[in-house]
Amino acid sequence: MTAHAALEKKAENLLALDVREITTLADYFIICSGNSGRQVRAIAEEIDFRLSREHENYLGIEGFPECRWVLMDYGDIIVHIFEPETREFYDLDGLWGDAPRLDIPPAEN
């Protein structure tokens, strides 16, 4: 659901990682990009809207109002939404490169 919410707002380069064997921080990381701060905000708001409807509320959120990197902590899932330059600079894709990548099944209509 988290990945589909991001894709609904045209998130790019979405990566879902299973980090259970690598860290105790979370079970899964979702990493994606938005082309601007406005799009990063829209992606974050859509994820929050969809998960809150399922009574899943974030434990913490960082990155507002700048929206160059928004981090949303849902306990088992941590979502990172970046502007492209910020994503490249912090290179979480490389940092967590040993984690298995997950396939995102198509959204149910």
C-alpha atoms as a PDB file:
ATOM      1  CA  MET A   1       0.000   0.000   0.000  1.00  0.00           C
ATOM      2  CA  THR A   2       2.814   2.413   0.842  1.00  0.00           C
ATOM      3  CA  ALA A   3       4.563   1.915  -2.483  1.00  0.00           C
ATOM      4  CA  HIS A   4       1.290   2.191  -4.402  1.00  0.00           C
ATOM      5  CA  ALA A   5       0.470   5.466  -2.656  1.00  0.00           C
ATOM      6  CA  ALA A   6       3.858   6.853  -3.690  1.00  0.00           C
ATOM      7  CA  LEU A   7       3.387   5.682  -7.266  1.00  0.00           C
ATOM      8  CA  GLU A   8      -0.082   7.260  -7.350  1.00  0.00           C
ATOM      9  CA  LYS A   9       1.661  10.638  -6.975  1.00  0.00           C
ATOM     10  CA  LYS A  10       4.189   9.767  -9.694  1.00  0.00           C
ATOM     11  CA  ALA A  11       7.111   8.847  -7.426  1.00  0.00           C
ATOM     12  CA  GLU A  12      10.168   7.898  -9.442  1.00  0.00           C
ATOM     13  CA  ASN A  13      12.857   5.274  -8.976  1.00  0.00           C
ATOM     14  CA  LEU A  14      10.885   3.527  -6.255  1.00  0.00           C
ATOM     15  CA  LEU A  15      12.861   0.954  -4.352  1.00  0.00           C
ATOM     16  CA  ALA A  16      11.439  -1.379  -1.706  1.00  0.00           C
ATOM     17  CA  LEU A  17      14.012  -3.105   0.486  1.00  0.00           C
ATOM     18  CA  ASP A  18      13.701  -5.920   3.003  1.00  0.00           C
ATOM     19  CA  VAL A  19      16.110  -4.820   5.747  1.00  0.00           C
ATOM     20  CA  ARG A  20      15.054  -7.333   8.444  1.00  0.00           C
ATOM     21  CA  GLU A  21      18.368  -9.204   8.303  1.00  0.00           C
ATOM     22  CA  ILE A  22      20.479  -6.034   8.238  1.00  0.00           C
ATOM     23  CA  THR A  23      19.068  -3.700  10.896  1.00  0.00           C
ATOM     24  CA  THR A  24      16.663  -3.528  13.809  1.00  0.00           C
ATOM     25  CA  LEU A  25      15.459  -0.080  12.727  1.00  0.00           C
ATOM     26  CA  ALA A  26      12.625  -1.451  10.602  1.00  0.00           C
ATOM     27  CA  ASP A  27      11.597  -4.410   8.486  1.00  0.00           C
ATOM     28  CA  TYR A  28      11.266  -2.517   5.219  1.00  0.00           C
ATOM     29  CA  PHE A  29      12.533   0.665   3.623  1.00  0.00           C
ATOM     30  CA  ILE A  30      10.705   2.403   0.816  1.00  0.00           C
ATOM     31  CA  ILE A  31      12.943   4.839  -1.074  1.00  0.00           C
ATOM     32  CA  CYS A  32      11.648   7.040  -3.876  1.00  0.00           C
ATOM     33  CA  SER A  33      12.081  10.414  -5.518  1.00  0.00           C
ATOM     34  CA  GLY A  34       9.922  13.370  -6.437  1.00  0.00           C
ATOM     35  CA  ASN A  35      11.066  15.969  -8.951  1.00  0.00           C
ATOM     36  CA  SER A  36      10.464  18.938  -6.649  1.00  0.00           C
ATOM     37  CA  GLY A  37       9.760  19.786  -3.034  1.00  0.00           C
ATOM     38  CA  ARG A  38       6.100  20.125  -3.967  1.00  0.00           C
ATOM     39  CA  GLN A  39       6.007  16.605  -5.397  1.00  0.00           C
ATOM     40  CA  VAL A  40       7.916  15.181  -2.414  1.00  0.00           C
ATOM     41  CA  ARG A  41       5.273  16.752  -0.148  1.00  0.00           C
ATOM     42  CA  ALA A  42       2.442  15.351  -2.289  1.00  0.00           C
ATOM     43  CA  ILE A  43       3.914  11.848  -2.123  1.00  0.00           C
ATOM     44  CA  ALA A  44       4.322  12.083   1.665  1.00  0.00           C
ATOM     45  CA  GLU A  45       0.796  13.384   2.126  1.00  0.00           C
ATOM     46  CA  GLU A  46      -0.683  10.612  -0.040  1.00  0.00           C
ATOM     47  CA  ILE A  47       1.180   7.930   1.907  1.00  0.00           C
ATOM     48  CA  ASP A  48       0.023   9.424   5.198  1.00  0.00           C
ATOM     49  CA  PHE A  49      -3.572   9.719   3.955  1.00  0.00           C
ATOM     50  CA  ARG A  50      -3.730   6.111   2.780  1.00  0.00           C
ATOM     51  CA  LEU A  51      -2.078   4.618   5.836  1.00  0.00           C
ATOM     52  CA  SER A  52      -4.095   6.713   8.289  1.00  0.00           C
ATOM     53  CA  ARG A  53      -7.280   5.352   6.676  1.00  0.00           C
ATOM     54  CA  GLU A  54      -5.994   1.914   7.706  1.00  0.00           C
ATOM     55  CA  HIS A  55      -5.268   3.229  11.235  1.00  0.00           C
ATOM     56  CA  GLU A  56      -1.532   3.166  10.592  1.00  0.00           C
ATOM     57  CA  ASN A  57      -0.130   6.416  11.929  1.00  0.00           C
ATOM     58  CA  TYR A  58       3.469   7.450  11.689  1.00  0.00           C
ATOM     59  CA  LEU A  59       5.655   7.389  14.777  1.00  0.00           C
ATOM     60  CA  GLY A  60       7.704  10.280  13.482  1.00  0.00           C
ATOM     61  CA  ILE A  61       8.162  12.448  10.441  1.00  0.00           C
ATOM     62  CA  GLU A  62      11.059  14.685   9.443  1.00  0.00           C
ATOM     63  CA  GLY A  63      11.753  16.982   6.526  1.00  0.00           C
ATOM     64  CA  PHE A  64       8.899  19.470   6.452  1.00  0.00           C
ATOM     65  CA  PRO A  65       8.638  22.253   5.312  1.00  0.00           C
ATOM     66  CA  GLU A  66      11.719  22.026   3.061  1.00  0.00           C
ATOM     67  CA  CYS A  67      10.721  18.670   1.550  1.00  0.00           C
ATOM     68  CA  ARG A  68      14.115  17.879   0.066  1.00  0.00           C
ATOM     69  CA  TRP A  69      14.113  14.616   2.066  1.00  0.00           C
ATOM     70  CA  VAL A  70      11.038  13.510   3.967  1.00  0.00           C
ATOM     71  CA  LEU A  71      11.459  10.565   6.315  1.00  0.00           C
ATOM     72  CA  MET A  72       8.315   8.856   7.597  1.00  0.00           C
ATOM     73  CA  ASP A  73       8.652   6.243  10.345  1.00  0.00           C
ATOM     74  CA  TYR A  74       5.789   3.761  10.599  1.00  0.00           C
ATOM     75  CA  GLY A  75       7.647   1.347  12.859  1.00  0.00           C
ATOM     76  CA  ASP A  76       8.017  -1.672  10.578  1.00  0.00           C
ATOM     77  CA  ILE A  77       8.280   0.515   7.481  1.00  0.00           C
ATOM     78  CA  ILE A  78      10.448   3.591   7.021  1.00  0.00           C
ATOM     79  CA  VAL A  79       9.760   5.727   3.972  1.00  0.00           C
ATOM     80  CA  HIS A  80      12.395   8.014   2.447  1.00  0.00           C
ATOM     81  CA  ILE A  81      11.182  10.493  -0.183  1.00  0.00           C
ATOM     82  CA  PHE A  82      13.890  12.578  -1.834  1.00  0.00           C
ATOM     83  CA  GLU A  83      14.458  15.271  -4.375  1.00  0.00           C
ATOM     84  CA  PRO A  84      16.847  13.662  -6.914  1.00  0.00           C
ATOM     85  CA  GLU A  85      19.963  15.639  -5.926  1.00  0.00           C
ATOM     86  CA  THR A  86      19.460  14.892  -2.243  1.00  0.00           C
ATOM     87  CA  ARG A  87      18.922  11.196  -2.947  1.00  0.00           C
ATOM     88  CA  GLU A  88      22.120  11.069  -4.953  1.00  0.00           C
ATOM     89  CA  PHE A  89      24.072  12.880  -2.222  1.00  0.00           C
ATOM     90  CA  TYR A  90      22.992  10.591   0.636  1.00  0.00           C
ATOM     91  CA  ASP A  91      23.017   7.422  -1.525  1.00  0.00           C
ATOM     92  CA  LEU A  92      20.766   5.264   0.646  1.00  0.00           C
ATOM     93  CA  ASP A  93      20.411   2.996  -2.372  1.00  0.00           C
ATOM     94  CA  GLY A  94      24.119   2.188  -2.062  1.00  0.00           C
ATOM     95  CA  LEU A  95      24.238   2.224   1.728  1.00  0.00           C
ATOM     96  CA  TRP A  96      21.506  -0.422   1.944  1.00  0.00           C
ATOM     97  CA  GLY A  97      22.548  -2.134  -1.298  1.00  0.00           C
ATOM     98  CA  ASP A  98      22.946  -5.530   0.407  1.00  0.00           C
ATOM     99  CA  ALA A  99      19.250  -5.642   1.308  1.00  0.00           C
ATOM    100  CA  PRO A 100      17.007  -7.779  -0.884  1.00  0.00           C
ATOM    101  CA  ARG A 101      14.852  -5.741  -3.248  1.00  0.00           C
ATOM    102  CA  LEU A 102      11.147  -6.427  -3.236  1.00  0.00           C
ATOM    103  CA  ASP A 103       8.889  -6.575  -6.263  1.00  0.00           C
ATOM    104  CA  ILE A 104       5.895  -4.278  -6.040  1.00  0.00           C
ATOM    105  CA  PRO A 105       2.786  -6.068  -7.320  1.00  0.00           C
ATOM    106  CA  PRO A 106       0.335  -4.043  -9.418  1.00  0.00           C
ATOM    107  CA  ALA A 107      -2.204  -2.025  -7.455  1.00  0.00           C
ATOM    108  CA  GLU A 108      -5.664  -3.502  -7.077  1.00  0.00           C
ATOM    109  CA  ASN A 109      -8.368  -1.353  -8.660  1.00  0.00           C
END
